[in-house]
């Protein structure tokens, strides 16, 4: 029987770090949404909550993109409820 690992599970969430070049890179850790286990290594033997899923693809964004996304989110926020205006 083939051994399953955390990164193959649909409940595994990959953690990312910001590199010196201003991009996000996959860190060698993540966490489990189902078993509420923190600091799971992607190649660690999976737990009894394992459910097959697609291995997450590495993707990268720049620091500039993150700043723009954050600014847009703040601009879209309702700062004061209508009834208080």
PDB file of N, CA and C in Angstrom:
ATOM      1  N   UNK A   1       0.839  -1.188   0.000  1.00  0.00           N
ATOM      2  CA  UNK A   1       0.000   0.000   0.000  1.00  0.00           C
ATOM      3  C   UNK A   1       0.884   1.251   0.000  1.00  0.00           C
ATOM      4  N   UNK A   2       0.539   2.197  -0.841  1.00  0.00           N
ATOM      5  CA  UNK A   2       1.314   3.427  -0.943  1.00  0.00           C
ATOM      6  C   UNK A   2       1.030   4.328   0.252  1.00  0.00           C
ATOM      7  N   UNK A   3       2.083   4.915   0.797  1.00  0.00           N
ATOM      8  CA  UNK A   3       1.927   5.791   1.958  1.00  0.00           C
ATOM      9  C   UNK A   3       1.454   7.171   1.499  1.00  0.00           C
ATOM     10  N   UNK A   4       0.448   7.704   2.173  1.00  0.00           N
ATOM     11  CA  UNK A   4      -0.059   9.034   1.844  1.00  0.00           C
ATOM     12  C   UNK A   4       0.610  10.063   2.742  1.00  0.00           C
ATOM     13  N   UNK A   5       0.771  11.257   2.219  1.00  0.00           N
ATOM     14  CA  UNK A   5       1.407  12.338   2.974  1.00  0.00           C
ATOM     15  C   UNK A   5       0.470  13.552   3.011  1.00  0.00           C
ATOM     16  N   UNK A   6       0.741  14.461   3.915  1.00  0.00           N
ATOM     17  CA  UNK A   6      -0.131  15.615   4.141  1.00  0.00           C
ATOM     18  C   UNK A   6      -0.393  16.447   2.887  1.00  0.00           C
ATOM     19  N   UNK A   7       0.626  16.692   2.073  1.00  0.00           N
ATOM     20  CA  UNK A   7       0.440  17.568   0.915  1.00  0.00           C
ATOM     21  C   UNK A   7      -0.516  16.976  -0.123  1.00  0.00           C
ATOM     22  N   UNK A   8      -0.852  15.702  -0.005  1.00  0.00           N
ATOM     23  CA  UNK A   8      -1.805  15.058  -0.913  1.00  0.00           C
ATOM     24  C   UNK A   8      -3.245  15.164  -0.406  1.00  0.00           C
ATOM     25  N   UNK A   9      -3.434  15.693   0.782  1.00  0.00           N
ATOM     26  CA  UNK A   9      -4.750  15.754   1.423  1.00  0.00           C
ATOM     27  C   UNK A   9      -5.462  17.062   1.086  1.00  0.00           C
ATOM     28  N   UNK A  10      -6.777  16.988   0.910  1.00  0.00           N
ATOM     29  CA  UNK A  10      -7.531  18.193   0.581  1.00  0.00           C
ATOM     30  C   UNK A  10      -7.628  19.152   1.773  1.00  0.00           C
ATOM     31  N   UNK A  11      -7.345  18.703   2.990  1.00  0.00           N
ATOM     32  CA  UNK A  11      -7.414  19.561   4.170  1.00  0.00           C
ATOM     33  C   UNK A  11      -6.095  20.262   4.495  1.00  0.00           C
ATOM     34  N   UNK A  12      -5.028  19.916   3.775  1.00  0.00           N
ATOM     35  CA  UNK A  12      -3.719  20.525   4.037  1.00  0.00           C
ATOM     36  C   UNK A  12      -3.654  21.914   3.413  1.00  0.00           C
ATOM     37  N   UNK A  13      -3.249  22.902   4.195  1.00  0.00           N
ATOM     38  CA  UNK A  13      -3.082  24.271   3.722  1.00  0.00           C
ATOM     39  C   UNK A  13      -1.601  24.611   3.796  1.00  0.00           C
ATOM     40  N   UNK A  14      -1.036  24.942   2.652  1.00  0.00           N
ATOM     41  CA  UNK A  14       0.381  25.279   2.548  1.00  0.00           C
ATOM     42  C   UNK A  14       0.641  26.675   3.122  1.00  0.00           C
ATOM     43  N   UNK A  15       1.711  26.853   3.871  1.00  0.00           N
ATOM     44  CA  UNK A  15       2.133  28.167   4.348  1.00  0.00           C
ATOM     45  C   UNK A  15       3.141  28.761   3.367  1.00  0.00           C
ATOM     46  N   UNK A  16       3.188  30.087   3.305  1.00  0.00           N
ATOM     47  CA  UNK A  16       4.087  30.788   2.386  1.00  0.00           C
ATOM     48  C   UNK A  16       4.900  31.833   3.148  1.00  0.00           C
ATOM     49  N   UNK A  17       6.069  32.165   2.610  1.00  0.00           N
ATOM     50  CA  UNK A  17       6.926  33.205   3.181  1.00  0.00           C
ATOM     51  C   UNK A  17       7.244  34.221   2.090  1.00  0.00           C
ATOM     52  N   UNK A  18       7.555  35.441   2.501  1.00  0.00           N
ATOM     53  CA  UNK A  18       7.917  36.498   1.567  1.00  0.00           C
ATOM     54  C   UNK A  18       9.430  36.494   1.386  1.00  0.00           C
ATOM     55  N   UNK A  19       9.891  36.345   0.147  1.00  0.00           N
ATOM     56  CA  UNK A  19      11.324  36.289  -0.131  1.00  0.00           C
ATOM     57  C   UNK A  19      11.911  37.692  -0.215  1.00  0.00           C
ATOM     58  N   UNK A  20      13.232  37.782  -0.272  1.00  0.00           N
ATOM     59  CA  UNK A  20      13.905  39.075  -0.413  1.00  0.00           C
ATOM     60  C   UNK A  20      13.573  39.756  -1.733  1.00  0.00           C
ATOM     61  N   UNK A  21      13.168  38.963  -2.729  1.00  0.00           N
ATOM     62  CA  UNK A  21      12.797  39.514  -4.034  1.00  0.00           C
ATOM     63  C   UNK A  21      11.364  40.043  -4.028  1.00  0.00           C
ATOM     64  N   UNK A  22      10.660  39.912  -2.898  1.00  0.00           N
ATOM     65  CA  UNK A  22       9.294  40.402  -2.797  1.00  0.00           C
ATOM     66  C   UNK A  22       8.251  39.448  -3.331  1.00  0.00           C
ATOM     67  N   UNK A  23       8.579  38.156  -3.431  1.00  0.00           N
ATOM     68  CA  UNK A  23       7.623  37.158  -3.904  1.00  0.00           C
ATOM     69  C   UNK A  23       7.281  36.200  -2.779  1.00  0.00           C
ATOM     70  N   UNK A  24       6.132  35.554  -2.901  1.00  0.00           N
ATOM     71  CA  UNK A  24       5.761  34.526  -1.941  1.00  0.00           C
ATOM     72  C   UNK A  24       6.306  33.193  -2.411  1.00  0.00           C
ATOM     73  N   UNK A  25       6.880  32.438  -1.489  1.00  0.00           N
ATOM     74  CA  UNK A  25       7.409  31.116  -1.800  1.00  0.00           C
ATOM     75  C   UNK A  25       6.848  30.125  -0.788  1.00  0.00           C
ATOM     76  N   UNK A  26       6.605  28.904  -1.224  1.00  0.00           N
ATOM     77  CA  UNK A  26       6.074  27.875  -0.339  1.00  0.00           C
ATOM     78  C   UNK A  26       7.086  27.567   0.764  1.00  0.00           C
ATOM     79  N   UNK A  27       6.636  27.599   2.003  1.00  0.00           N
ATOM     80  CA  UNK A  27       7.477  27.237   3.148  1.00  0.00           C
ATOM     81  C   UNK A  27       7.385  25.722   3.350  1.00  0.00           C
ATOM     82  N   UNK A  28       8.292  25.184   4.131  1.00  0.00           N
ATOM     83  CA  UNK A  28       8.265  23.743   4.385  1.00  0.00           C
ATOM     84  C   UNK A  28       7.375  23.450   5.587  1.00  0.00           C
ATOM     85  N   UNK A  29       6.166  23.989   5.568  1.00  0.00           N
ATOM     86  CA  UNK A  29       5.190  23.690   6.606  1.00  0.00           C
ATOM     87  C   UNK A  29       3.811  24.154   6.148  1.00  0.00           C
ATOM     88  N   UNK A  30       2.812  23.715   6.876  1.00  0.00           N
ATOM     89  CA  UNK A  30       1.439  24.079   6.601  1.00  0.00           C
ATOM     90  C   UNK A  30       0.596  23.697   7.809  1.00  0.00           C
ATOM     91  N   UNK A  31      -0.715  23.631   7.625  1.00  0.00           N
ATOM     92  CA  UNK A  31      -1.564  23.168   8.711  1.00  0.00           C
ATOM     93  C   UNK A  31      -2.743  22.385   8.154  1.00  0.00           C
ATOM     94  N   UNK A  32      -3.419  21.673   9.034  1.00  0.00           N
ATOM     95  CA  UNK A  32      -4.531  20.810   8.654  1.00  0.00           C
ATOM     96  C   UNK A  32      -5.842  21.448   9.101  1.00  0.00           C
ATOM     97  N   UNK A  33      -6.774  21.631   8.172  1.00  0.00           N
ATOM     98  CA  UNK A  33      -8.068  22.214   8.507  1.00  0.00           C
ATOM     99  C   UNK A  33      -8.963  21.242   9.266  1.00  0.00           C
ATOM    100  N   UNK A  34      -8.875  19.981   8.971  1.00  0.00           N
ATOM    101  CA  UNK A  34      -9.776  18.984   9.551  1.00  0.00           C
ATOM    102  C   UNK A  34      -9.352  18.575  10.956  1.00  0.00           C
ATOM    103  N   UNK A  35      -8.109  18.193  11.129  1.00  0.00           N
ATOM    104  CA  UNK A  35      -7.626  17.700  12.423  1.00  0.00           C
ATOM    105  C   UNK A  35      -7.118  18.823  13.317  1.00  0.00           C
ATOM    106  N   UNK A  36      -7.151  20.059  12.825  1.00  0.00           N
ATOM    107  CA  UNK A  36      -6.681  21.237  13.566  1.00  0.00           C
ATOM    108  C   UNK A  36      -5.254  21.049  14.071  1.00  0.00           C
ATOM    109  N   UNK A  37      -4.415  20.491  13.204  1.00  0.00           N
ATOM    110  CA  UNK A  37      -3.018  20.277  13.541  1.00  0.00           C
ATOM    111  C   UNK A  37      -2.184  21.382  12.910  1.00  0.00           C
ATOM    112  N   UNK A  38      -1.370  22.033  13.713  1.00  0.00           N
ATOM    113  CA  UNK A  38      -0.527  23.113  13.215  1.00  0.00           C
ATOM    114  C   UNK A  38       0.862  22.583  12.934  1.00  0.00           C
ATOM    115  N   UNK A  39       1.572  23.317  12.116  1.00  0.00           N
ATOM    116  CA  UNK A  39       2.963  23.013  11.771  1.00  0.00           C
ATOM    117  C   UNK A  39       3.112  21.596  11.226  1.00  0.00           C
ATOM    118  N   UNK A  40       2.362  21.299  10.186  1.00  0.00           N
ATOM    119  CA  UNK A  40       2.461  20.011   9.512  1.00  0.00           C
ATOM    120  C   UNK A  40       3.455  20.122   8.361  1.00  0.00           C
ATOM    121  N   UNK A  41       4.357  19.197   8.265  1.00  0.00           N
ATOM    122  CA  UNK A  41       5.307  19.155   7.149  1.00  0.00           C
ATOM    123  C   UNK A  41       4.605  18.519   5.953  1.00  0.00           C
ATOM    124  N   UNK A  42       4.804  19.048   4.745  1.00  0.00           N
ATOM    125  CA  UNK A  42       4.103  18.532   3.564  1.00  0.00           C
ATOM    126  C   UNK A  42       4.328  17.046   3.291  1.00  0.00           C
ATOM    127  N   UNK A  43       5.521  16.538   3.629  1.00  0.00           N
ATOM    128  CA  UNK A  43       5.819  15.139   3.340  1.00  0.00           C
ATOM    129  C   UNK A  43       5.661  14.222   4.553  1.00  0.00           C
ATOM    130  N   UNK A  44       4.987  14.717   5.590  1.00  0.00           N
ATOM    131  CA  UNK A  44       4.737  13.913   6.790  1.00  0.00           C
ATOM    132  C   UNK A  44       3.618  12.904   6.509  1.00  0.00           C
ATOM    133  N   UNK A  45       3.708  11.736   7.142  1.00  0.00           N
ATOM    134  CA  UNK A  45       2.665  10.720   6.984  1.00  0.00           C
ATOM    135  C   UNK A  45       1.327  11.313   7.414  1.00  0.00           C
ATOM    136  N   UNK A  46       0.321  11.124   6.585  1.00  0.00           N
ATOM    137  CA  UNK A  46      -0.985  11.733   6.862  1.00  0.00           C
ATOM    138  C   UNK A  46      -1.672  11.090   8.071  1.00  0.00           C
ATOM    139  N   UNK A  47      -2.616  11.839   8.632  1.00  0.00           N
ATOM    140  CA  UNK A  47      -3.354  11.368   9.807  1.00  0.00           C
ATOM    141  C   UNK A  47      -4.594  10.584   9.380  1.00  0.00           C
ATOM    142  N   UNK A  48      -5.408  10.171  10.332  1.00  0.00           N
ATOM    143  CA  UNK A  48      -6.603   9.376  10.037  1.00  0.00           C
ATOM    144  C   UNK A  48      -7.714  10.192   9.364  1.00  0.00           C
ATOM    145  N   UNK A  49      -7.580  11.522   9.336  1.00  0.00           N
ATOM    146  CA  UNK A  49      -8.563  12.388   8.687  1.00  0.00           C
ATOM    147  C   UNK A  49      -8.282  12.575   7.196  1.00  0.00           C
ATOM    148  N   UNK A  50      -7.282  11.883   6.666  1.00  0.00           N
ATOM    149  CA  UNK A  50      -6.855  12.055   5.276  1.00  0.00           C
ATOM    150  C   UNK A  50      -8.001  11.859   4.298  1.00  0.00           C
ATOM    151  N   UNK A  51      -8.107  12.790   3.352  1.00  0.00           N
ATOM    152  CA  UNK A  51      -9.059  12.691   2.255  1.00  0.00           C
ATOM    153  C   UNK A  51      -8.317  13.129   1.005  1.00  0.00           C
ATOM    154  N   UNK A  52      -8.229  12.266   0.003  1.00  0.00           N
ATOM    155  CA  UNK A  52      -7.445  12.608  -1.185  1.00  0.00           C
ATOM    156  C   UNK A  52      -7.896  13.914  -1.819  1.00  0.00           C
ATOM    157  N   UNK A  53      -6.942  14.681  -2.224  1.00  0.00           N
ATOM    158  CA  UNK A  53      -7.209  15.944  -2.896  1.00  0.00           C
ATOM    159  C   UNK A  53      -6.056  16.250  -3.828  1.00  0.00           C
ATOM    160  N   UNK A  54      -6.191  17.321  -4.575  1.00  0.00           N
ATOM    161  CA  UNK A  54      -5.113  17.710  -5.473  1.00  0.00           C
ATOM    162  C   UNK A  54      -4.011  18.400  -4.699  1.00  0.00           C
ATOM    163  N   UNK A  55      -2.784  18.044  -5.018  1.00  0.00           N
ATOM    164  CA  UNK A  55      -1.637  18.703  -4.410  1.00  0.00           C
ATOM    165  C   UNK A  55      -1.633  20.155  -4.878  1.00  0.00           C
ATOM    166  N   UNK A  56      -1.458  21.079  -3.934  1.00  0.00           N
ATOM    167  CA  UNK A  56      -1.520  22.496  -4.280  1.00  0.00           C
ATOM    168  C   UNK A  56      -0.353  22.873  -5.182  1.00  0.00           C
ATOM    169  N   UNK A  57      -0.646  23.655  -6.196  1.00  0.00           N
ATOM    170  CA  UNK A  57       0.381  24.145  -7.102  1.00  0.00           C
ATOM    171  C   UNK A  57       1.029  25.380  -6.469  1.00  0.00           C
ATOM    172  N   UNK A  58       2.340  25.470  -6.581  1.00  0.00           N
ATOM    173  CA  UNK A  58       3.051  26.639  -6.074  1.00  0.00           C
ATOM    174  C   UNK A  58       2.737  27.824  -6.972  1.00  0.00           C
ATOM    175  N   UNK A  59       2.385  28.930  -6.368  1.00  0.00           N
ATOM    176  CA  UNK A  59       2.151  30.147  -7.128  1.00  0.00           C
ATOM    177  C   UNK A  59       2.779  31.302  -6.374  1.00  0.00           C
ATOM    178  N   UNK A  60       3.153  32.322  -7.104  1.00  0.00           N
ATOM    179  CA  UNK A  60       3.901  33.415  -6.511  1.00  0.00           C
ATOM    180  C   UNK A  60       3.264  34.745  -6.889  1.00  0.00           C
ATOM    181  N   UNK A  61       3.274  35.666  -5.952  1.00  0.00           N
ATOM    182  CA  UNK A  61       2.797  37.019  -6.214  1.00  0.00           C
ATOM    183  C   UNK A  61       3.849  37.989  -5.701  1.00  0.00           C
ATOM    184  N   UNK A  62       3.859  39.178  -6.245  1.00  0.00           N
ATOM    185  CA  UNK A  62       4.855  40.169  -5.833  1.00  0.00           C
ATOM    186  C   UNK A  62       4.353  40.984  -4.653  1.00  0.00           C
ATOM    187  N   UNK A  63       5.277  41.639  -3.983  1.00  0.00           N
ATOM    188  CA  UNK A  63       4.950  42.514  -2.860  1.00  0.00           C
ATOM    189  C   UNK A  63       4.047  43.656  -3.338  1.00  0.00           C
ATOM    190  N   UNK A  64       4.295  44.148  -4.546  1.00  0.00           N
ATOM    191  CA  UNK A  64       3.475  45.225  -5.105  1.00  0.00           C
ATOM    192  C   UNK A  64       2.021  44.767  -5.262  1.00  0.00           C
ATOM    193  N   UNK A  65       1.829  43.537  -5.723  1.00  0.00           N
ATOM    194  CA  UNK A  65       0.474  43.005  -5.857  1.00  0.00           C
ATOM    195  C   UNK A  65      -0.210  42.938  -4.497  1.00  0.00           C
ATOM    196  N   UNK A  66       0.513  42.468  -3.475  1.00  0.00           N
ATOM    197  CA  UNK A  66      -0.064  42.373  -2.137  1.00  0.00           C
ATOM    198  C   UNK A  66      -0.453  43.745  -1.608  1.00  0.00           C
ATOM    199  N   UNK A  67       0.381  44.747  -1.833  1.00  0.00           N
ATOM    200  CA  UNK A  67       0.063  46.104  -1.385  1.00  0.00           C
ATOM    201  C   UNK A  67      -1.186  46.631  -2.069  1.00  0.00           C
ATOM    202  N   UNK A  68      -1.275  46.433  -3.382  1.00  0.00           N
ATOM    203  CA  UNK A  68      -2.451  46.890  -4.127  1.00  0.00           C
ATOM    204  C   UNK A  68      -3.713  46.178  -3.649  1.00  0.00           C
ATOM    205  N   UNK A  69      -3.607  44.880  -3.431  1.00  0.00           N
ATOM    206  CA  UNK A  69      -4.763  44.109  -2.981  1.00  0.00           C
ATOM    207  C   UNK A  69      -5.223  44.583  -1.608  1.00  0.00           C
ATOM    208  N   UNK A  70      -4.279  44.847  -0.710  1.00  0.00           N
ATOM    209  CA  UNK A  70      -4.624  45.341   0.615  1.00  0.00           C
ATOM    210  C   UNK A  70      -5.255  46.726   0.537  1.00  0.00           C
ATOM    211  N   UNK A  71      -4.680  47.611  -0.259  1.00  0.00           N
ATOM    212  CA  UNK A  71      -5.232  48.951  -0.418  1.00  0.00           C
ATOM    213  C   UNK A  71      -6.646  48.890  -0.983  1.00  0.00           C
ATOM    214  N   UNK A  72      -6.870  48.056  -1.984  1.00  0.00           N
ATOM    215  CA  UNK A  72      -8.206  47.932  -2.573  1.00  0.00           C
ATOM    216  C   UNK A  72      -9.203  47.406  -1.553  1.00  0.00           C
ATOM    217  N   UNK A  73      -8.761  46.470  -0.747  1.00  0.00           N
ATOM    218  CA  UNK A  73      -9.652  45.917   0.288  1.00  0.00           C
ATOM    219  C   UNK A  73     -10.042  46.977   1.305  1.00  0.00           C
ATOM    220  N   UNK A  74      -9.091  47.806   1.711  1.00  0.00           N
ATOM    221  CA  UNK A  74      -9.377  48.879   2.666  1.00  0.00           C
ATOM    222  C   UNK A  74     -10.311  49.909   2.037  1.00  0.00           C
ATOM    223  N   UNK A  75     -10.070  50.262   0.776  1.00  0.00           N
ATOM    224  CA  UNK A  75     -10.919  51.234   0.102  1.00  0.00           C
ATOM    225  C   UNK A  75     -12.351  50.730  -0.071  1.00  0.00           C
ATOM    226  N   UNK A  76     -12.524  49.431  -0.198  1.00  0.00           N
ATOM    227  CA  UNK A  76     -13.848  48.852  -0.372  1.00  0.00           C
ATOM    228  C   UNK A  76     -14.606  48.674   0.946  1.00  0.00           C
ATOM    229  N   UNK A  77     -13.918  48.857   2.078  1.00  0.00           N
ATOM    230  CA  UNK A  77     -14.557  48.659   3.380  1.00  0.00           C
ATOM    231  C   UNK A  77     -15.539  49.783   3.680  1.00  0.00           C
ATOM    232  N   UNK A  78     -16.638  49.413   4.329  1.00  0.00           N
ATOM    233  CA  UNK A  78     -17.568  50.415   4.819  1.00  0.00           C
ATOM    234  C   UNK A  78     -17.041  50.847   6.182  1.00  0.00           C
ATOM    235  N   UNK A  79     -16.606  52.092   6.269  1.00  0.00           N
ATOM    236  CA  UNK A  79     -15.955  52.554   7.496  1.00  0.00           C
ATOM    237  C   UNK A  79     -16.945  52.924   8.594  1.00  0.00           C
ATOM    238  N   UNK A  80     -18.125  53.381   8.224  1.00  0.00           N
ATOM    239  CA  UNK A  80     -19.098  53.748   9.233  1.00  0.00           C
ATOM    240  C   UNK A  80     -20.479  53.323   8.726  1.00  0.00           C
ATOM    241  N   UNK A  81     -21.267  52.684   9.587  1.00  0.00           N
ATOM    242  CA  UNK A  81     -22.600  52.274   9.167  1.00  0.00           C
ATOM    243  C   UNK A  81     -23.447  53.476   8.728  1.00  0.00           C
ATOM    244  N   UNK A  82     -24.305  53.270   7.728  1.00  0.00           N
ATOM    245  CA  UNK A  82     -25.136  54.328   7.162  1.00  0.00           C
ATOM    246  C   UNK A  82     -25.970  55.052   8.219  1.00  0.00           C
ATOM    247  N   UNK A  83     -26.482  54.298   9.199  1.00  0.00           N
ATOM    248  CA  UNK A  83     -27.367  54.903  10.199  1.00  0.00           C
ATOM    249  C   UNK A  83     -26.643  55.877  11.123  1.00  0.00           C
ATOM    250  N   UNK A  84     -25.324  55.819  11.173  1.00  0.00           N
ATOM    251  CA  UNK A  84     -24.557  56.748  12.018  1.00  0.00           C
ATOM    252  C   UNK A  84     -24.125  57.996  11.282  1.00  0.00           C
ATOM    253  N   UNK A  85     -24.316  58.047   9.971  1.00  0.00           N
ATOM    254  CA  UNK A  85     -23.913  59.220   9.179  1.00  0.00           C
ATOM    255  C   UNK A  85     -24.909  60.336   9.293  1.00  0.00           C
TER     256      UNK A  85
END
